Amino acid sequence: MELKKLQQDMIAAMKAKDKARKDAISTLYGAAKQLGIDKGCREEIPEELVDQAIMSELKAVREQIETCPKDRTELLDEFNFKLKVFEEYA
């Protein structure tokens, strides 16, 4: 996936005033940018690194769902929404 696509989707979510979706996409965008910086390709981040960042965030949110107490339904709902959005990009 291209980083530009994530940025466009994040802007579209902002314009639609969909804060939860914007936050989820922003997490992916930030992870991809950070990975690009870590790998020394700040300006032109290849699709492989963006995909790697998305898979890493997908794994992290799945772990959060597994370790979250069942009585924390509000937090579980947030994690499940992020998982749904992340899976769209995976």
PDB file of N, CA and C in Angstrom:
ATOM      1  N   MET A   1       0.844  -1.179   0.000  1.00  0.00           N
ATOM      2  CA  MET A   1       0.000   0.000   0.000  1.00  0.00           C
ATOM      3  C   MET A   1       0.886   1.237   0.000  1.00  0.00           C
ATOM      4  N   GLU A   2       0.454   2.236  -0.702  1.00  0.00           N
ATOM      5  CA  GLU A   2       1.192   3.483  -0.770  1.00  0.00           C
ATOM      6  C   GLU A   2       0.857   4.356   0.433  1.00  0.00           C
ATOM      7  N   LEU A   3       1.864   5.043   0.937  1.00  0.00           N
ATOM      8  CA  LEU A   3       1.679   5.943   2.063  1.00  0.00           C
ATOM      9  C   LEU A   3       0.701   7.061   1.686  1.00  0.00           C
ATOM     10  N   LYS A   4       0.743   7.476   0.452  1.00  0.00           N
ATOM     11  CA  LYS A   4      -0.135   8.534  -0.040  1.00  0.00           C
ATOM     12  C   LYS A   4      -1.617   8.145   0.120  1.00  0.00           C
ATOM     13  N   LYS A   5      -1.928   6.864  -0.105  1.00  0.00           N
ATOM     14  CA  LYS A   5      -3.305   6.369   0.037  1.00  0.00           C
ATOM     15  C   LYS A   5      -3.773   6.497   1.491  1.00  0.00           C
ATOM     16  N   LEU A   6      -2.900   6.147   2.432  1.00  0.00           N
ATOM     17  CA  LEU A   6      -3.243   6.295   3.850  1.00  0.00           C
ATOM     18  C   LEU A   6      -3.519   7.764   4.178  1.00  0.00           C
ATOM     19  N   GLN A   7      -2.659   8.637   3.651  1.00  0.00           N
ATOM     20  CA  GLN A   7      -2.817  10.063   3.909  1.00  0.00           C
ATOM     21  C   GLN A   7      -4.144  10.572   3.334  1.00  0.00           C
ATOM     22  N   GLN A   8      -4.476  10.156   2.122  1.00  0.00           N
ATOM     23  CA  GLN A   8      -5.735  10.584   1.502  1.00  0.00           C
ATOM     24  C   GLN A   8      -6.939  10.079   2.292  1.00  0.00           C
ATOM     25  N   ASP A   9      -6.883   8.826   2.746  1.00  0.00           N
ATOM     26  CA  ASP A   9      -7.993   8.263   3.525  1.00  0.00           C
ATOM     27  C   ASP A   9      -8.131   8.963   4.876  1.00  0.00           C
ATOM     28  N   MET A  10      -6.994   9.344   5.463  1.00  0.00           N
ATOM     29  CA  MET A  10      -7.016  10.043   6.745  1.00  0.00           C
ATOM     30  C   MET A  10      -7.667  11.424   6.570  1.00  0.00           C
ATOM     31  N   ILE A  11      -7.331  12.102   5.499  1.00  0.00           N
ATOM     32  CA  ILE A  11      -7.914  13.417   5.221  1.00  0.00           C
ATOM     33  C   ILE A  11      -9.415  13.285   4.957  1.00  0.00           C
ATOM     34  N   ALA A  12      -9.805  12.247   4.220  1.00  0.00           N
ATOM     35  CA  ALA A  12     -11.233  12.014   3.946  1.00  0.00           C
ATOM     36  C   ALA A  12     -11.999  11.764   5.242  1.00  0.00           C
ATOM     37  N   ALA A  13     -11.413  11.021   6.164  1.00  0.00           N
ATOM     38  CA  ALA A  13     -12.065  10.759   7.453  1.00  0.00           C
ATOM     39  C   ALA A  13     -12.185  12.045   8.268  1.00  0.00           C
ATOM     40  N   MET A  14     -11.171  12.898   8.192  1.00  0.00           N
ATOM     41  CA  MET A  14     -11.234  14.185   8.898  1.00  0.00           C
ATOM     42  C   MET A  14     -12.367  15.039   8.340  1.00  0.00           C
ATOM     43  N   LYS A  15     -12.462  15.086   7.014  1.00  0.00           N
ATOM     44  CA  LYS A  15     -13.514  15.894   6.382  1.00  0.00           C
ATOM     45  C   LYS A  15     -14.902  15.351   6.709  1.00  0.00           C
ATOM     46  N   ALA A  16     -15.003  14.024   6.865  1.00  0.00           N
ATOM     47  CA  ALA A  16     -16.276  13.395   7.213  1.00  0.00           C
ATOM     48  C   ALA A  16     -16.560  13.474   8.719  1.00  0.00           C
ATOM     49  N   LYS A  17     -15.626  14.054   9.456  1.00  0.00           N
ATOM     50  CA  LYS A  17     -15.721  14.177  10.920  1.00  0.00           C
ATOM     51  C   LYS A  17     -15.879  12.824  11.606  1.00  0.00           C
ATOM     52  N   ASP A  18     -15.190  11.823  11.056  1.00  0.00           N
ATOM     53  CA  ASP A  18     -15.183  10.470  11.619  1.00  0.00           C
ATOM     54  C   ASP A  18     -13.898  10.313  12.430  1.00  0.00           C
ATOM     55  N   LYS A  19     -13.954  10.792  13.673  1.00  0.00           N
ATOM     56  CA  LYS A  19     -12.756  10.836  14.515  1.00  0.00           C
ATOM     57  C   LYS A  19     -12.168   9.461  14.771  1.00  0.00           C
ATOM     58  N   ALA A  20     -12.983   8.476  15.034  1.00  0.00           N
ATOM     59  CA  ALA A  20     -12.477   7.132  15.345  1.00  0.00           C
ATOM     60  C   ALA A  20     -11.717   6.556  14.158  1.00  0.00           C
ATOM     61  N   ARG A  21     -12.278   6.703  12.962  1.00  0.00           N
ATOM     62  CA  ARG A  21     -11.608   6.191  11.760  1.00  0.00           C
ATOM     63  C   ARG A  21     -10.329   6.977  11.481  1.00  0.00           C
ATOM     64  N   LYS A  22     -10.395   8.288  11.645  1.00  0.00           N
ATOM     65  CA  LYS A  22      -9.216   9.124  11.432  1.00  0.00           C
ATOM     66  C   LYS A  22      -8.099   8.723  12.378  1.00  0.00           C
ATOM     67  N   ASP A  23      -8.443   8.481  13.636  1.00  0.00           N
ATOM     68  CA  ASP A  23      -7.434   8.077  14.618  1.00  0.00           C
ATOM     69  C   ASP A  23      -6.803   6.732  14.260  1.00  0.00           C
ATOM     70  N   ALA A  24      -7.614   5.788  13.802  1.00  0.00           N
ATOM     71  CA  ALA A  24      -7.098   4.469  13.430  1.00  0.00           C
ATOM     72  C   ALA A  24      -6.146   4.572  12.234  1.00  0.00           C
ATOM     73  N   ILE A  25      -6.560   5.326  11.219  1.00  0.00           N
ATOM     74  CA  ILE A  25      -5.702   5.487  10.034  1.00  0.00           C
ATOM     75  C   ILE A  25      -4.455   6.275  10.396  1.00  0.00           C
ATOM     76  N   SER A  26      -4.601   7.244  11.274  1.00  0.00           N
ATOM     77  CA  SER A  26      -3.459   8.037  11.726  1.00  0.00           C
ATOM     78  C   SER A  26      -2.418   7.159  12.427  1.00  0.00           C
ATOM     79  N   THR A  27      -2.887   6.170  13.162  1.00  0.00           N
ATOM     80  CA  THR A  27      -1.983   5.223  13.813  1.00  0.00           C
ATOM     81  C   THR A  27      -1.150   4.481  12.766  1.00  0.00           C
ATOM     82  N   LEU A  28      -1.810   4.017  11.707  1.00  0.00           N
ATOM     83  CA  LEU A  28      -1.109   3.314  10.633  1.00  0.00           C
ATOM     84  C   LEU A  28      -0.131   4.245   9.922  1.00  0.00           C
ATOM     85  N   TYR A  29      -0.583   5.450   9.641  1.00  0.00           N
ATOM     86  CA  TYR A  29       0.253   6.428   8.942  1.00  0.00           C
ATOM     87  C   TYR A  29       1.497   6.756   9.768  1.00  0.00           C
ATOM     88  N   GLY A  30       1.294   6.990  11.053  1.00  0.00           N
ATOM     89  CA  GLY A  30       2.420   7.305  11.938  1.00  0.00           C
ATOM     90  C   GLY A  30       3.401   6.152  12.055  1.00  0.00           C
ATOM     91  N   ALA A  31       2.883   4.931  12.131  1.00  0.00           N
ATOM     92  CA  ALA A  31       3.756   3.757  12.226  1.00  0.00           C
ATOM     93  C   ALA A  31       4.584   3.592  10.946  1.00  0.00           C
ATOM     94  N   ALA A  32       3.956   3.841   9.800  1.00  0.00           N
ATOM     95  CA  ALA A  32       4.666   3.728   8.526  1.00  0.00           C
ATOM     96  C   ALA A  32       5.739   4.804   8.409  1.00  0.00           C
ATOM     97  N   LYS A  33       5.412   6.026   8.809  1.00  0.00           N
ATOM     98  CA  LYS A  33       6.393   7.115   8.766  1.00  0.00           C
ATOM     99  C   LYS A  33       7.563   6.817   9.696  1.00  0.00           C
ATOM    100  N   GLN A  34       7.264   6.322  10.904  1.00  0.00           N
ATOM    101  CA  GLN A  34       8.323   6.019  11.868  1.00  0.00           C
ATOM    102  C   GLN A  34       9.230   4.913  11.351  1.00  0.00           C
ATOM    103  N   LEU A  35       8.650   3.886  10.756  1.00  0.00           N
ATOM    104  CA  LEU A  35       9.434   2.796  10.199  1.00  0.00           C
ATOM    105  C   LEU A  35      10.322   3.302   9.066  1.00  0.00           C
ATOM    106  N   GLY A  36       9.783   4.191   8.247  1.00  0.00           N
ATOM    107  CA  GLY A  36      10.577   4.787   7.175  1.00  0.00           C
ATOM    108  C   GLY A  36      11.759   5.577   7.712  1.00  0.00           C
ATOM    109  N   ILE A  37      11.530   6.334   8.770  1.00  0.00           N
ATOM    110  CA  ILE A  37      12.607   7.101   9.396  1.00  0.00           C
ATOM    111  C   ILE A  37      13.657   6.157   9.970  1.00  0.00           C
ATOM    112  N   ASP A  38      13.191   5.109  10.652  1.00  0.00           N
ATOM    113  CA  ASP A  38      14.115   4.132  11.245  1.00  0.00           C
ATOM    114  C   ASP A  38      14.972   3.444  10.197  1.00  0.00           C
ATOM    115  N   LYS A  39      14.404   3.214   9.005  1.00  0.00           N
ATOM    116  CA  LYS A  39      15.123   2.519   7.936  1.00  0.00           C
ATOM    117  C   LYS A  39      15.918   3.481   7.054  1.00  0.00           C
ATOM    118  N   GLY A  40      15.837   4.779   7.345  1.00  0.00           N
ATOM    119  CA  GLY A  40      16.631   5.752   6.612  1.00  0.00           C
ATOM    120  C   GLY A  40      16.044   6.179   5.278  1.00  0.00           C
ATOM    121  N   CYS A  41      14.760   6.013   5.100  1.00  0.00           N
ATOM    122  CA  CYS A  41      14.126   6.447   3.837  1.00  0.00           C
ATOM    123  C   CYS A  41      12.939   7.340   4.151  1.00  0.00           C
ATOM    124  N   ARG A  42      13.233   8.446   4.789  1.00  0.00           N
ATOM    125  CA  ARG A  42      12.217   9.381   5.271  1.00  0.00           C
ATOM    126  C   ARG A  42      11.339   9.952   4.156  1.00  0.00           C
ATOM    127  N   GLU A  43      11.939  10.314   3.037  1.00  0.00           N
ATOM    128  CA  GLU A  43      11.200  10.979   1.961  1.00  0.00           C
ATOM    129  C   GLU A  43      10.378  10.024   1.109  1.00  0.00           C
ATOM    130  N   GLU A  44      10.968   8.941   0.675  1.00  0.00           N
ATOM    131  CA  GLU A  44      10.297   7.973  -0.201  1.00  0.00           C
ATOM    132  C   GLU A  44      10.168   6.639   0.526  1.00  0.00           C
ATOM    133  N   ILE A  45       9.055   6.439   1.194  1.00  0.00           N
ATOM    134  CA  ILE A  45       8.853   5.205   1.958  1.00  0.00           C
ATOM    135  C   ILE A  45       8.250   4.158   1.017  1.00  0.00           C
ATOM    136  N   PRO A  46       8.977   3.052   0.803  1.00  0.00           N
ATOM    137  CA  PRO A  46       8.474   2.032  -0.126  1.00  0.00           C
ATOM    138  C   PRO A  46       7.231   1.319   0.413  1.00  0.00           C
ATOM    139  N   GLU A  47       6.445   0.784  -0.518  1.00  0.00           N
ATOM    140  CA  GLU A  47       5.204   0.099  -0.154  1.00  0.00           C
ATOM    141  C   GLU A  47       5.455  -1.068   0.790  1.00  0.00           C
ATOM    142  N   GLU A  48       6.599  -1.734   0.641  1.00  0.00           N
ATOM    143  CA  GLU A  48       6.911  -2.876   1.502  1.00  0.00           C
ATOM    144  C   GLU A  48       6.978  -2.452   2.970  1.00  0.00           C
ATOM    145  N   LEU A  49       7.572  -1.282   3.236  1.00  0.00           N
ATOM    146  CA  LEU A  49       7.666  -0.801   4.619  1.00  0.00           C
ATOM    147  C   LEU A  49       6.293  -0.394   5.151  1.00  0.00           C
ATOM    148  N   VAL A  50       5.469   0.196   4.299  1.00  0.00           N
ATOM    149  CA  VAL A  50       4.110   0.570   4.721  1.00  0.00           C
ATOM    150  C   VAL A  50       3.331  -0.698   5.077  1.00  0.00           C
ATOM    151  N   ASP A  51       3.440  -1.710   4.227  1.00  0.00           N
ATOM    152  CA  ASP A  51       2.758  -2.978   4.505  1.00  0.00           C
ATOM    153  C   ASP A  51       3.271  -3.615   5.789  1.00  0.00           C
ATOM    154  N   GLN A  52       4.576  -3.527   6.015  1.00  0.00           N
ATOM    155  CA  GLN A  52       5.177  -4.089   7.224  1.00  0.00           C
ATOM    156  C   GLN A  52       4.634  -3.365   8.466  1.00  0.00           C
ATOM    157  N   ALA A  53       4.522  -2.047   8.385  1.00  0.00           N
ATOM    158  CA  ALA A  53       3.999  -1.267   9.509  1.00  0.00           C
ATOM    159  C   ALA A  53       2.535  -1.624   9.782  1.00  0.00           C
ATOM    160  N   ILE A  54       1.758  -1.805   8.724  1.00  0.00           N
ATOM    161  CA  ILE A  54       0.339  -2.159   8.878  1.00  0.00           C
ATOM    162  C   ILE A  54       0.210  -3.515   9.561  1.00  0.00           C
ATOM    163  N   MET A  55       1.001  -4.486   9.126  1.00  0.00           N
ATOM    164  CA  MET A  55       0.937  -5.822   9.729  1.00  0.00           C
ATOM    165  C   MET A  55       1.364  -5.782  11.196  1.00  0.00           C
ATOM    166  N   SER A  56       2.349  -4.961  11.501  1.00  0.00           N
ATOM    167  CA  SER A  56       2.813  -4.823  12.882  1.00  0.00           C
ATOM    168  C   SER A  56       1.710  -4.234  13.768  1.00  0.00           C
ATOM    169  N   GLU A  57       1.043  -3.203  13.282  1.00  0.00           N
ATOM    170  CA  GLU A  57      -0.044  -2.588  14.045  1.00  0.00           C
ATOM    171  C   GLU A  57      -1.234  -3.534  14.182  1.00  0.00           C
ATOM    172  N   LEU A  58      -1.482  -4.325  13.146  1.00  0.00           N
ATOM    173  CA  LEU A  58      -2.558  -5.318  13.183  1.00  0.00           C
ATOM    174  C   LEU A  58      -2.283  -6.345  14.286  1.00  0.00           C
ATOM    175  N   LYS A  59      -1.047  -6.797  14.346  1.00  0.00           N
ATOM    176  CA  LYS A  59      -0.656  -7.760  15.375  1.00  0.00           C
ATOM    177  C   LYS A  59      -0.801  -7.138  16.775  1.00  0.00           C
ATOM    178  N   ALA A  60      -0.385  -5.881  16.908  1.00  0.00           N
ATOM    179  CA  ALA A  60      -0.452  -5.205  18.205  1.00  0.00           C
ATOM    180  C   ALA A  60      -1.896  -5.058  18.692  1.00  0.00           C
ATOM    181  N   VAL A  61      -2.812  -4.689  17.785  1.00  0.00           N
ATOM    182  CA  VAL A  61      -4.204  -4.504  18.209  1.00  0.00           C
ATOM    183  C   VAL A  61      -4.843  -5.852  18.550  1.00  0.00           C
ATOM    184  N   ARG A  62      -4.454  -6.899  17.854  1.00  0.00           N
ATOM    185  CA  ARG A  62      -4.968  -8.234  18.206  1.00  0.00           C
ATOM    186  C   ARG A  62      -4.502  -8.632  19.608  1.00  0.00           C
ATOM    187  N   GLU A  63      -3.254  -8.329  19.937  1.00  0.00           N
ATOM    188  CA  GLU A  63      -2.740  -8.627  21.277  1.00  0.00           C
ATOM    189  C   GLU A  63      -3.473  -7.800  22.332  1.00  0.00           C
ATOM    190  N   GLN A  64      -3.794  -6.550  21.990  1.00  0.00           N
ATOM    191  CA  GLN A  64      -4.531  -5.706  22.930  1.00  0.00           C
ATOM    192  C   GLN A  64      -5.914  -6.289  23.205  1.00  0.00           C
ATOM    193  N   ILE A  65      -6.560  -6.793  22.166  1.00  0.00           N
ATOM    194  CA  ILE A  65      -7.890  -7.402  22.331  1.00  0.00           C
ATOM    195  C   ILE A  65      -7.797  -8.637  23.216  1.00  0.00           C
ATOM    196  N   GLU A  66      -6.780  -9.461  22.994  1.00  0.00           N
ATOM    197  CA  GLU A  66      -6.619 -10.692  23.769  1.00  0.00           C
ATOM    198  C   GLU A  66      -6.342 -10.420  25.237  1.00  0.00           C
ATOM    199  N   THR A  67      -5.587  -9.366  25.540  1.00  0.00           N
ATOM    200  CA  THR A  67      -5.183  -9.107  26.923  1.00  0.00           C
ATOM    201  C   THR A  67      -6.110  -8.152  27.660  1.00  0.00           C
ATOM    202  N   CYS A  68      -7.053  -7.560  26.953  1.00  0.00           N
ATOM    203  CA  CYS A  68      -7.963  -6.605  27.580  1.00  0.00           C
ATOM    204  C   CYS A  68      -8.992  -7.344  28.444  1.00  0.00           C
ATOM    205  N   PRO A  69      -9.214  -6.871  29.674  1.00  0.00           N
ATOM    206  CA  PRO A  69     -10.237  -7.497  30.517  1.00  0.00           C
ATOM    207  C   PRO A  69     -11.618  -7.407  29.865  1.00  0.00           C
ATOM    208  N   LYS A  70     -12.395  -8.459  29.990  1.00  0.00           N
ATOM    209  CA  LYS A  70     -13.700  -8.535  29.334  1.00  0.00           C
ATOM    210  C   LYS A  70     -14.690  -7.488  29.865  1.00  0.00           C
ATOM    211  N   ASP A  71     -14.495  -7.028  31.092  1.00  0.00           N
ATOM    212  CA  ASP A  71     -15.410  -6.039  31.644  1.00  0.00           C
ATOM    213  C   ASP A  71     -15.129  -4.623  31.135  1.00  0.00           C
ATOM    214  N   ARG A  72     -14.063  -4.436  30.400  1.00  0.00           N
ATOM    215  CA  ARG A  72     -13.714  -3.130  29.809  1.00  0.00           C
ATOM    216  C   ARG A  72     -14.297  -3.036  28.401  1.00  0.00           C
ATOM    217  N   THR A  73     -15.622  -3.068  28.316  1.00  0.00           N
ATOM    218  CA  THR A  73     -16.303  -3.139  27.017  1.00  0.00           C
ATOM    219  C   THR A  73     -16.016  -1.919  26.139  1.00  0.00           C
ATOM    220  N   GLU A  74     -15.898  -0.748  26.754  1.00  0.00           N
ATOM    221  CA  GLU A  74     -15.624   0.464  25.979  1.00  0.00           C
ATOM    222  C   GLU A  74     -14.264   0.365  25.277  1.00  0.00           C
ATOM    223  N   LEU A  75     -13.283  -0.128  26.001  1.00  0.00           N
ATOM    224  CA  LEU A  75     -11.939  -0.299  25.442  1.00  0.00           C
ATOM    225  C   LEU A  75     -11.926  -1.401  24.387  1.00  0.00           C
ATOM    226  N   LEU A  76     -12.637  -2.477  24.655  1.00  0.00           N
ATOM    227  CA  LEU A  76     -12.726  -3.568  23.676  1.00  0.00           C
ATOM    228  C   LEU A  76     -13.383  -3.103  22.379  1.00  0.00           C
ATOM    229  N   ASP A  77     -14.425  -2.279  22.502  1.00  0.00           N
ATOM    230  CA  ASP A  77     -15.082  -1.747  21.310  1.00  0.00           C
ATOM    231  C   ASP A  77     -14.110  -0.907  20.480  1.00  0.00           C
ATOM    232  N   GLU A  78     -13.306  -0.100  21.169  1.00  0.00           N
ATOM    233  CA  GLU A  78     -12.309   0.733  20.479  1.00  0.00           C
ATOM    234  C   GLU A  78     -11.285  -0.143  19.752  1.00  0.00           C
ATOM    235  N   PHE A  79     -10.775  -1.162  20.442  1.00  0.00           N
ATOM    236  CA  PHE A  79      -9.786  -2.066  19.832  1.00  0.00           C
ATOM    237  C   PHE A  79     -10.384  -2.826  18.648  1.00  0.00           C
ATOM    238  N   ASN A  80     -11.624  -3.282  18.787  1.00  0.00           N
ATOM    239  CA  ASN A  80     -12.275  -4.017  17.695  1.00  0.00           C
ATOM    240  C   ASN A  80     -12.508  -3.123  16.478  1.00  0.00           C
ATOM    241  N   PHE A  81     -12.830  -1.845  16.718  1.00  0.00           N
ATOM    242  CA  PHE A  81     -12.995  -0.924  15.602  1.00  0.00           C
ATOM    243  C   PHE A  81     -11.663  -0.722  14.880  1.00  0.00           C
ATOM    244  N   LYS A  82     -10.593  -0.537  15.662  1.00  0.00           N
ATOM    245  CA  LYS A  82      -9.264  -0.388  15.054  1.00  0.00           C
ATOM    246  C   LYS A  82      -8.900  -1.627  14.245  1.00  0.00           C
ATOM    247  N   LEU A  83      -9.193  -2.789  14.799  1.00  0.00           N
ATOM    248  CA  LEU A  83      -8.897  -4.038  14.096  1.00  0.00           C
ATOM    249  C   LEU A  83      -9.617  -4.074  12.753  1.00  0.00           C
ATOM    250  N   LYS A  84     -10.876  -3.677  12.747  1.00  0.00           N
ATOM    251  CA  LYS A  84     -11.663  -3.676  11.510  1.00  0.00           C
ATOM    252  C   LYS A  84     -11.039  -2.739  10.468  1.00  0.00           C
ATOM    253  N   VAL A  85     -10.642  -1.549  10.896  1.00  0.00           N
ATOM    254  CA  VAL A  85     -10.032  -0.584   9.978  1.00  0.00           C
ATOM    255  C   VAL A  85      -8.674  -1.097   9.497  1.00  0.00           C
ATOM    256  N   PHE A  86      -7.868  -1.625  10.406  1.00  0.00           N
ATOM    257  CA  PHE A  86      -6.540  -2.125  10.034  1.00  0.00           C
ATOM    258  C   PHE A  86      -6.649  -3.260   9.027  1.00  0.00           C
ATOM    259  N   GLU A  87      -7.658  -4.125   9.198  1.00  0.00           N
ATOM    260  CA  GLU A  87      -7.837  -5.263   8.281  1.00  0.00           C
ATOM    261  C   GLU A  87      -8.193  -4.790   6.872  1.00  0.00           C
ATOM    262  N   GLU A  88      -8.835  -3.621   6.757  1.00  0.00           N
ATOM    263  CA  GLU A  88      -9.135  -3.067   5.441  1.00  0.00           C
ATOM    264  C   GLU A  88      -7.855  -2.782   4.656  1.00  0.00           C
ATOM    265  N   TYR A  89      -6.805  -2.420   5.378  1.00  0.00           N
ATOM    266  CA  TYR A  89      -5.543  -2.034   4.739  1.00  0.00           C
ATOM    267  C   TYR A  89      -4.545  -3.182   4.659  1.00  0.00           C
ATOM    268  N   ALA A  90      -4.801  -4.240   5.401  1.00  0.00           N
ATOM    269  CA  ALA A  90      -3.847  -5.369   5.435  1.00  0.00           C
ATOM    270  C   ALA A  90      -3.931  -6.209   4.168  1.00  0.00           C
TER     271      ALA A  90
END
